[in-house]
Amino acid sequence: MAEKMIWRARAPDAFKCALRALKKEIFGFSFDYPLYVVPESAAKESLHYHLYSDALAWEALRLDSNGIPQAWYRVTGAVYWPSYIAWYGLVQLGHYLRRGDEANLNAFLKQVSWLEQNAVWRSDGAVVWPMNFDYPNGAMVLKAPWISAYTQGLVISALVRAWRLTNRPAFCGSFSRVQRRYLNSMSKTPASGFRWMATLCTRRFPAARFPALWMVS
């Protein structure tokens, strides 16, 4: 659910935020971004994710006492984003595959366990991972609980790799029910199913005026 956003930022706070953003964009800008494509991820049963980095800043990261990351943003405070947790887990898995450190593997499995425990089961048999906080996005504010296709895709990526790694049936059952969520929605509008899926797969935030494309699998 989205509502129109009315900004009431105080001038000094807005000015400080603008200065920090300019400093970061001008003095912190670099063409050498530490994110790499992983060719091994193309293999059918690969545990690798498509992208990897060992030098991400994690500026928004706030680990709780259980080792689960919260994302801190000015408009939300520290909150649990399922996509952020899934991505953090996938990076930890990438570290494990390259370094063989059990601590990284345990961190990955800990994130997957959190995703499993915080899945929301719907009456139609599908499962989703909602954002349980309000999120201002441009002129709109997404009201909790809201759902993002980008989030569901990253969660599926983590669950698939956890299932390949552990063969736990629960992981397989979870991502198969995510598929059911999309199939149920498409079956209600078969004539516009392709257009609906094209929109769904390009939306990170449901209220975004312009969709942003994200590739996850």
C-alpha atoms as a PDB file:
ATOM      1  CA  MET A   1       0.000   0.000   0.000  1.00  0.00           C
ATOM      2  CA  ALA A   2       1.415   3.402  -0.978  1.00  0.00           C
ATOM      3  CA  GLU A   3       0.444   6.884   0.159  1.00  0.00           C
ATOM      4  CA  LYS A   4       1.581  10.282  -1.051  1.00  0.00           C
ATOM      5  CA  MET A   5       4.633  11.495   0.846  1.00  0.00           C
ATOM      6  CA  ILE A   6       4.664  14.992   2.359  1.00  0.00           C
ATOM      7  CA  TRP A   7       8.230  16.013   3.180  1.00  0.00           C
ATOM      8  CA  ARG A   8       8.728  18.188   6.237  1.00  0.00           C
ATOM      9  CA  ALA A   9      12.507  18.082   6.650  1.00  0.00           C
ATOM     10  CA  ARG A  10      14.004  20.906   8.733  1.00  0.00           C
ATOM     11  CA  ALA A  11      16.308  23.156   6.711  1.00  0.00           C
ATOM     12  CA  PRO A  12      19.495  22.594   8.804  1.00  0.00           C
ATOM     13  CA  ASP A  13      19.061  18.796   8.724  1.00  0.00           C
ATOM     14  CA  ALA A  14      18.361  18.771   4.998  1.00  0.00           C
ATOM     15  CA  PHE A  15      21.402  20.991   4.366  1.00  0.00           C
ATOM     16  CA  LYS A  16      23.706  18.689   6.373  1.00  0.00           C
ATOM     17  CA  CYS A  17      22.385  15.652   4.523  1.00  0.00           C
ATOM     18  CA  ALA A  18      22.965  17.367   1.164  1.00  0.00           C
ATOM     19  CA  LEU A  19      26.547  18.255   2.110  1.00  0.00           C
ATOM     20  CA  ARG A  20      27.297  14.673   3.168  1.00  0.00           C
ATOM     21  CA  ALA A  21      25.867  13.361  -0.101  1.00  0.00           C
ATOM     22  CA  LEU A  22      27.933  15.822  -2.174  1.00  0.00           C
ATOM     23  CA  LYS A  23      31.114  14.937  -0.264  1.00  0.00           C
ATOM     24  CA  LYS A  24      30.548  11.231  -0.825  1.00  0.00           C
ATOM     25  CA  GLU A  25      29.671  11.578  -4.519  1.00  0.00           C
ATOM     26  CA  ILE A  26      32.512  13.998  -5.379  1.00  0.00           C
ATOM     27  CA  PHE A  27      35.424  12.861  -3.210  1.00  0.00           C
ATOM     28  CA  GLY A  28      34.423   9.233  -2.785  1.00  0.00           C
ATOM     29  CA  PHE A  29      33.567   8.540  -6.430  1.00  0.00           C
ATOM     30  CA  SER A  30      35.580   5.889  -8.242  1.00  0.00           C
ATOM     31  CA  PHE A  31      35.270   4.008 -11.523  1.00  0.00           C
ATOM     32  CA  ASP A  32      37.050   1.072  -9.881  1.00  0.00           C
ATOM     33  CA  TYR A  33      34.048  -0.471  -8.106  1.00  0.00           C
ATOM     34  CA  PRO A  34      34.897  -3.663  -6.140  1.00  0.00           C
ATOM     35  CA  LEU A  35      32.177  -5.877  -7.623  1.00  0.00           C
ATOM     36  CA  TYR A  36      33.007  -8.766  -9.949  1.00  0.00           C
ATOM     37  CA  VAL A  37      31.060 -11.083 -12.234  1.00  0.00           C
ATOM     38  CA  VAL A  38      31.460 -14.764 -11.259  1.00  0.00           C
ATOM     39  CA  PRO A  39      31.615 -17.097 -14.316  1.00  0.00           C
ATOM     40  CA  GLU A  40      31.306 -20.200 -12.083  1.00  0.00           C
ATOM     41  CA  SER A  41      27.747 -19.167 -11.202  1.00  0.00           C
ATOM     42  CA  ALA A  42      26.576 -20.286 -14.668  1.00  0.00           C
ATOM     43  CA  ALA A  43      26.947 -23.982 -13.740  1.00  0.00           C
ATOM     44  CA  LYS A  44      23.610 -25.683 -13.097  1.00  0.00           C
ATOM     45  CA  GLU A  45      24.268 -26.724  -9.491  1.00  0.00           C
ATOM     46  CA  SER A  46      26.662 -23.916  -8.624  1.00  0.00           C
ATOM     47  CA  LEU A  47      26.791 -22.484  -5.109  1.00  0.00           C
ATOM     48  CA  HIS A  48      28.314 -19.252  -6.416  1.00  0.00           C
ATOM     49  CA  TYR A  49      26.235 -16.106  -6.826  1.00  0.00           C
ATOM     50  CA  HIS A  50      26.540 -14.054 -10.029  1.00  0.00           C
ATOM     51  CA  LEU A  51      28.361 -11.162  -8.322  1.00  0.00           C
ATOM     52  CA  TYR A  52      31.064 -11.100  -5.649  1.00  0.00           C
ATOM     53  CA  SER A  53      33.149  -8.612  -3.706  1.00  0.00           C
ATOM     54  CA  ASP A  54      35.468  -8.784  -0.712  1.00  0.00           C
ATOM     55  CA  ALA A  55      35.673  -5.006  -0.346  1.00  0.00           C
ATOM     56  CA  LEU A  56      32.102  -3.741   0.037  1.00  0.00           C
ATOM     57  CA  ALA A  57      31.714  -0.845   2.471  1.00  0.00           C
ATOM     58  CA  TRP A  58      28.488  -2.012   4.182  1.00  0.00           C
ATOM     59  CA  GLU A  59      27.864   1.556   5.305  1.00  0.00           C
ATOM     60  CA  ALA A  60      24.276   0.847   6.334  1.00  0.00           C
ATOM     61  CA  LEU A  61      25.127  -2.391   8.181  1.00  0.00           C
ATOM     62  CA  ARG A  62      24.136  -2.745  11.834  1.00  0.00           C
ATOM     63  CA  LEU A  63      24.587  -6.314  13.128  1.00  0.00           C
ATOM     64  CA  ASP A  64      22.233  -7.277  15.950  1.00  0.00           C
ATOM     65  CA  SER A  65      23.261  -9.471  18.906  1.00  0.00           C
ATOM     66  CA  ASN A  66      22.455 -12.621  16.876  1.00  0.00           C
ATOM     67  CA  GLY A  67      24.624 -11.672  13.903  1.00  0.00           C
ATOM     68  CA  ILE A  68      21.684 -10.673  11.688  1.00  0.00           C
ATOM     69  CA  PRO A  69      22.239  -7.423   9.748  1.00  0.00           C
ATOM     70  CA  GLN A  70      19.896  -4.491  10.028  1.00  0.00           C
ATOM     71  CA  ALA A  71      20.068  -1.744   7.431  1.00  0.00           C
ATOM     72  CA  TRP A  72      20.181   1.792   8.794  1.00  0.00           C
ATOM     73  CA  TYR A  73      18.818   4.629   6.667  1.00  0.00           C
ATOM     74  CA  ARG A  74      17.905   8.158   7.639  1.00  0.00           C
ATOM     75  CA  VAL A  75      14.231   7.698   6.787  1.00  0.00           C
ATOM     76  CA  THR A  76      13.766   4.303   8.471  1.00  0.00           C
ATOM     77  CA  GLY A  77      16.346   3.878  11.208  1.00  0.00           C
ATOM     78  CA  ALA A  78      17.738   0.367  11.727  1.00  0.00           C
ATOM     79  CA  VAL A  79      15.326  -2.173  10.221  1.00  0.00           C
ATOM     80  CA  TYR A  80      15.386  -5.746   8.941  1.00  0.00           C
ATOM     81  CA  TRP A  81      15.320  -5.827   5.143  1.00  0.00           C
ATOM     82  CA  PRO A  82      14.955  -9.453   3.957  1.00  0.00           C
ATOM     83  CA  SER A  83      16.830  -8.541   0.752  1.00  0.00           C
ATOM     84  CA  TYR A  84      19.711  -7.022   2.719  1.00  0.00           C
ATOM     85  CA  ILE A  85      19.895 -10.120   4.929  1.00  0.00           C
ATOM     86  CA  ALA A  86      19.832 -12.425   1.882  1.00  0.00           C
ATOM     87  CA  TRP A  87      22.543 -10.391   0.121  1.00  0.00           C
ATOM     88  CA  TYR A  88      24.719 -10.343   3.250  1.00  0.00           C
ATOM     89  CA  GLY A  89      24.334 -14.117   3.433  1.00  0.00           C
ATOM     90  CA  LEU A  90      25.241 -14.586  -0.242  1.00  0.00           C
ATOM     91  CA  VAL A  91      28.398 -12.521   0.227  1.00  0.00           C
ATOM     92  CA  GLN A  92      29.323 -14.666   3.245  1.00  0.00           C
ATOM     93  CA  LEU A  93      28.793 -17.785   1.119  1.00  0.00           C
ATOM     94  CA  GLY A  94      31.062 -16.290  -1.540  1.00  0.00           C
ATOM     95  CA  HIS A  95      33.755 -15.742   1.083  1.00  0.00           C
ATOM     96  CA  TYR A  96      33.403 -19.351   2.249  1.00  0.00           C
ATOM     97  CA  LEU A  97      33.726 -20.754  -1.285  1.00  0.00           C
ATOM     98  CA  ARG A  98      36.969 -18.809  -1.782  1.00  0.00           C
ATOM     99  CA  ARG A  99      38.523 -19.011   1.671  1.00  0.00           C
ATOM    100  CA  GLY A 100      37.088 -22.170   3.184  1.00  0.00           C
ATOM    101  CA  ASP A 101      36.449 -20.393   6.502  1.00  0.00           C
ATOM    102  CA  GLU A 102      33.669 -22.132   8.470  1.00  0.00           C
ATOM    103  CA  ALA A 103      32.791 -18.806  10.126  1.00  0.00           C
ATOM    104  CA  ASN A 104      31.610 -17.487   6.753  1.00  0.00           C
ATOM    105  CA  LEU A 105      29.558 -20.633   6.134  1.00  0.00           C
ATOM    106  CA  ASN A 106      27.949 -20.368   9.558  1.00  0.00           C
ATOM    107  CA  ALA A 107      27.127 -16.708   8.894  1.00  0.00           C
ATOM    108  CA  PHE A 108      25.433 -17.651   5.609  1.00  0.00           C
ATOM    109  CA  LEU A 109      23.360 -20.408   7.217  1.00  0.00           C
ATOM    110  CA  LYS A 110      22.403 -18.048  10.050  1.00  0.00           C
ATOM    111  CA  GLN A 111      20.932 -15.572   7.541  1.00  0.00           C
ATOM    112  CA  VAL A 112      19.047 -18.357   5.771  1.00  0.00           C
ATOM    113  CA  SER A 113      17.621 -19.574   9.095  1.00  0.00           C
ATOM    114  CA  TRP A 114      16.377 -16.044   9.797  1.00  0.00           C
ATOM    115  CA  LEU A 115      14.698 -15.922   6.376  1.00  0.00           C
ATOM    116  CA  GLU A 116      13.102 -19.302   7.008  1.00  0.00           C
ATOM    117  CA  GLN A 117      11.777 -18.237  10.414  1.00  0.00           C
ATOM    118  CA  ASN A 118      10.444 -14.889   9.180  1.00  0.00           C
ATOM    119  CA  ALA A 119       8.633 -16.126   6.069  1.00  0.00           C
ATOM    120  CA  VAL A 120       4.957 -15.150   5.961  1.00  0.00           C
ATOM    121  CA  TRP A 121       2.629 -17.931   4.846  1.00  0.00           C
ATOM    122  CA  ARG A 122      -0.413 -16.779   2.894  1.00  0.00           C
ATOM    123  CA  SER A 123      -3.848 -18.356   2.765  1.00  0.00           C
ATOM    124  CA  ASP A 124      -3.287 -19.398  -0.880  1.00  0.00           C
ATOM    125  CA  GLY A 125      -0.285 -21.530   0.140  1.00  0.00           C
ATOM    126  CA  ALA A 126       2.326 -19.031  -1.072  1.00  0.00           C
ATOM    127  CA  VAL A 127       5.087 -17.528   1.068  1.00  0.00           C
ATOM    128  CA  VAL A 128       6.513 -13.992   0.980  1.00  0.00           C
ATOM    129  CA  TRP A 129       9.034 -11.873   2.855  1.00  0.00           C
ATOM    130  CA  PRO A 130       7.469  -8.456   3.521  1.00  0.00           C
ATOM    131  CA  MET A 131       9.091  -5.248   4.726  1.00  0.00           C
ATOM    132  CA  ASN A 132       7.550  -4.498   8.113  1.00  0.00           C
ATOM    133  CA  PHE A 133       8.267  -0.775   8.126  1.00  0.00           C
ATOM    134  CA  ASP A 134       7.113   2.319   6.267  1.00  0.00           C
ATOM    135  CA  TYR A 135       9.479   3.451   3.519  1.00  0.00           C
ATOM    136  CA  PRO A 136       9.413   6.887   1.817  1.00  0.00           C
ATOM    137  CA  ASN A 137      10.204   6.516  -1.884  1.00  0.00           C
ATOM    138  CA  GLY A 138      10.142   9.743  -3.849  1.00  0.00           C
ATOM    139  CA  ALA A 139       6.686  11.296  -3.634  1.00  0.00           C
ATOM    140  CA  MET A 140       5.193   8.120  -2.130  1.00  0.00           C
ATOM    141  CA  VAL A 141       5.514   6.243   1.130  1.00  0.00           C
ATOM    142  CA  LEU A 142       5.173   2.464   1.167  1.00  0.00           C
ATOM    143  CA  LYS A 143       3.122   1.375   4.170  1.00  0.00           C
ATOM    144  CA  ALA A 144       4.067  -1.740   6.102  1.00  0.00           C
ATOM    145  CA  PRO A 145       3.870  -4.558   5.287  1.00  0.00           C
ATOM    146  CA  TRP A 146       4.873  -4.084   1.644  1.00  0.00           C
ATOM    147  CA  ILE A 147       6.397  -6.550  -0.813  1.00  0.00           C
ATOM    148  CA  SER A 148       9.226  -6.143  -3.336  1.00  0.00           C
ATOM    149  CA  ALA A 149       9.939  -8.499  -6.258  1.00  0.00           C
ATOM    150  CA  TYR A 150      13.631  -7.662  -5.863  1.00  0.00           C
ATOM    151  CA  THR A 151      13.531  -8.909  -2.274  1.00  0.00           C
ATOM    152  CA  GLN A 152      11.773 -12.145  -3.172  1.00  0.00           C
ATOM    153  CA  GLY A 153      14.374 -12.794  -5.891  1.00  0.00           C
ATOM    154  CA  LEU A 154      17.361 -12.375  -3.565  1.00  0.00           C
ATOM    155  CA  VAL A 155      15.722 -14.536  -0.907  1.00  0.00           C
ATOM    156  CA  ILE A 156      15.138 -17.280  -3.499  1.00  0.00           C
ATOM    157  CA  SER A 157      18.810 -17.007  -4.515  1.00  0.00           C
ATOM    158  CA  ALA A 158      19.898 -17.600  -0.913  1.00  0.00           C
ATOM    159  CA  LEU A 159      17.407 -20.432  -0.319  1.00  0.00           C
ATOM    160  CA  VAL A 160      18.353 -22.278  -3.516  1.00  0.00           C
ATOM    161  CA  ARG A 161      22.023 -22.252  -2.579  1.00  0.00           C
ATOM    162  CA  ALA A 162      21.267 -23.273   1.005  1.00  0.00           C
ATOM    163  CA  TRP A 163      19.269 -26.238  -0.307  1.00  0.00           C
ATOM    164  CA  ARG A 164      22.083 -27.279  -2.677  1.00  0.00           C
ATOM    165  CA  LEU A 165      24.519 -27.048   0.224  1.00  0.00           C
ATOM    166  CA  THR A 166      22.488 -28.834   2.936  1.00  0.00           C
ATOM    167  CA  ASN A 167      19.705 -30.751   1.087  1.00  0.00           C
ATOM    168  CA  ARG A 168      17.277 -29.581   3.756  1.00  0.00           C
ATOM    169  CA  PRO A 169      13.721 -30.114   2.386  1.00  0.00           C
ATOM    170  CA  ALA A 170      12.452 -27.008   4.172  1.00  0.00           C
ATOM    171  CA  PHE A 171      14.537 -24.746   1.927  1.00  0.00           C
ATOM    172  CA  CYS A 172      13.197 -26.388  -1.232  1.00  0.00           C
ATOM    173  CA  GLY A 173       9.624 -26.063   0.051  1.00  0.00           C
ATOM    174  CA  SER A 174      10.063 -22.374   0.809  1.00  0.00           C
ATOM    175  CA  PHE A 175      11.260 -21.263  -2.613  1.00  0.00           C
ATOM    176  CA  SER A 176       8.695 -23.449  -4.401  1.00  0.00           C
ATOM    177  CA  ARG A 177       5.973 -21.562  -2.507  1.00  0.00           C
ATOM    178  CA  VAL A 178       7.474 -18.244  -3.596  1.00  0.00           C
ATOM    179  CA  GLN A 179       6.924 -19.382  -7.196  1.00  0.00           C
ATOM    180  CA  ARG A 180       3.312 -20.122  -6.293  1.00  0.00           C
ATOM    181  CA  ARG A 181       2.863 -16.486  -5.257  1.00  0.00           C
ATOM    182  CA  TYR A 182       3.706 -15.302  -8.779  1.00  0.00           C
ATOM    183  CA  LEU A 183       1.820 -18.061 -10.583  1.00  0.00           C
ATOM    184  CA  ASN A 184      -1.333 -17.369  -8.554  1.00  0.00           C
ATOM    185  CA  SER A 185      -1.169 -13.668  -9.421  1.00  0.00           C
ATOM    186  CA  MET A 186      -0.650 -14.357 -13.126  1.00  0.00           C
ATOM    187  CA  SER A 187      -3.492 -16.879 -13.269  1.00  0.00           C
ATOM    188  CA  LYS A 188      -5.946 -14.151 -12.221  1.00  0.00           C
ATOM    189  CA  THR A 189      -5.021 -12.006 -15.238  1.00  0.00           C
ATOM    190  CA  PRO A 190      -3.929 -14.432 -17.998  1.00  0.00           C
ATOM    191  CA  ALA A 191      -4.457 -11.945 -20.818  1.00  0.00           C
ATOM    192  CA  SER A 192      -1.979  -9.512 -19.301  1.00  0.00           C
ATOM    193  CA  GLY A 193       0.245 -12.106 -17.652  1.00  0.00           C
ATOM    194  CA  PHE A 194       3.342 -11.314 -19.701  1.00  0.00           C
ATOM    195  CA  ARG A 195       3.008  -7.574 -19.127  1.00  0.00           C
ATOM    196  CA  TRP A 196       2.401  -8.180 -15.401  1.00  0.00           C
ATOM    197  CA  MET A 197       5.506 -10.370 -15.099  1.00  0.00           C
ATOM    198  CA  ALA A 198       7.635  -7.866 -17.026  1.00  0.00           C
ATOM    199  CA  THR A 199       6.576  -5.142 -14.590  1.00  0.00           C
ATOM    200  CA  LEU A 200       7.035  -7.362 -11.524  1.00  0.00           C
ATOM    201  CA  CYS A 201      10.532  -8.492 -12.461  1.00  0.00           C
ATOM    202  CA  THR A 202      11.783  -4.932 -12.926  1.00  0.00           C
ATOM    203  CA  ARG A 203      10.374  -3.395  -9.759  1.00  0.00           C
ATOM    204  CA  ARG A 204      12.528  -2.967  -6.685  1.00  0.00           C
ATOM    205  CA  PHE A 205      10.009  -0.656  -4.991  1.00  0.00           C
ATOM    206  CA  PRO A 206       6.307  -1.045  -5.922  1.00  0.00           C
ATOM    207  CA  ALA A 207       5.616   2.712  -5.901  1.00  0.00           C
ATOM    208  CA  ALA A 208       8.645   3.682  -7.996  1.00  0.00           C
ATOM    209  CA  ARG A 209       7.765   5.961 -10.903  1.00  0.00           C
ATOM    210  CA  PHE A 210      10.489   4.406 -13.052  1.00  0.00           C
ATOM    211  CA  PRO A 211      11.310   0.710 -12.599  1.00  0.00           C
ATOM    212  CA  ALA A 212      14.881  -0.340 -11.892  1.00  0.00           C
ATOM    213  CA  LEU A 213      16.049  -3.583 -13.481  1.00  0.00           C
ATOM    214  CA  TRP A 214      17.623  -6.229 -11.254  1.00  0.00           C
ATOM    215  CA  MET A 215      18.806  -9.670 -12.377  1.00  0.00           C
ATOM    216  CA  VAL A 216      18.510 -12.376  -9.712  1.00  0.00           C
ATOM    217  CA  SER A 217      18.362 -16.155  -9.903  1.00  0.00           C
END
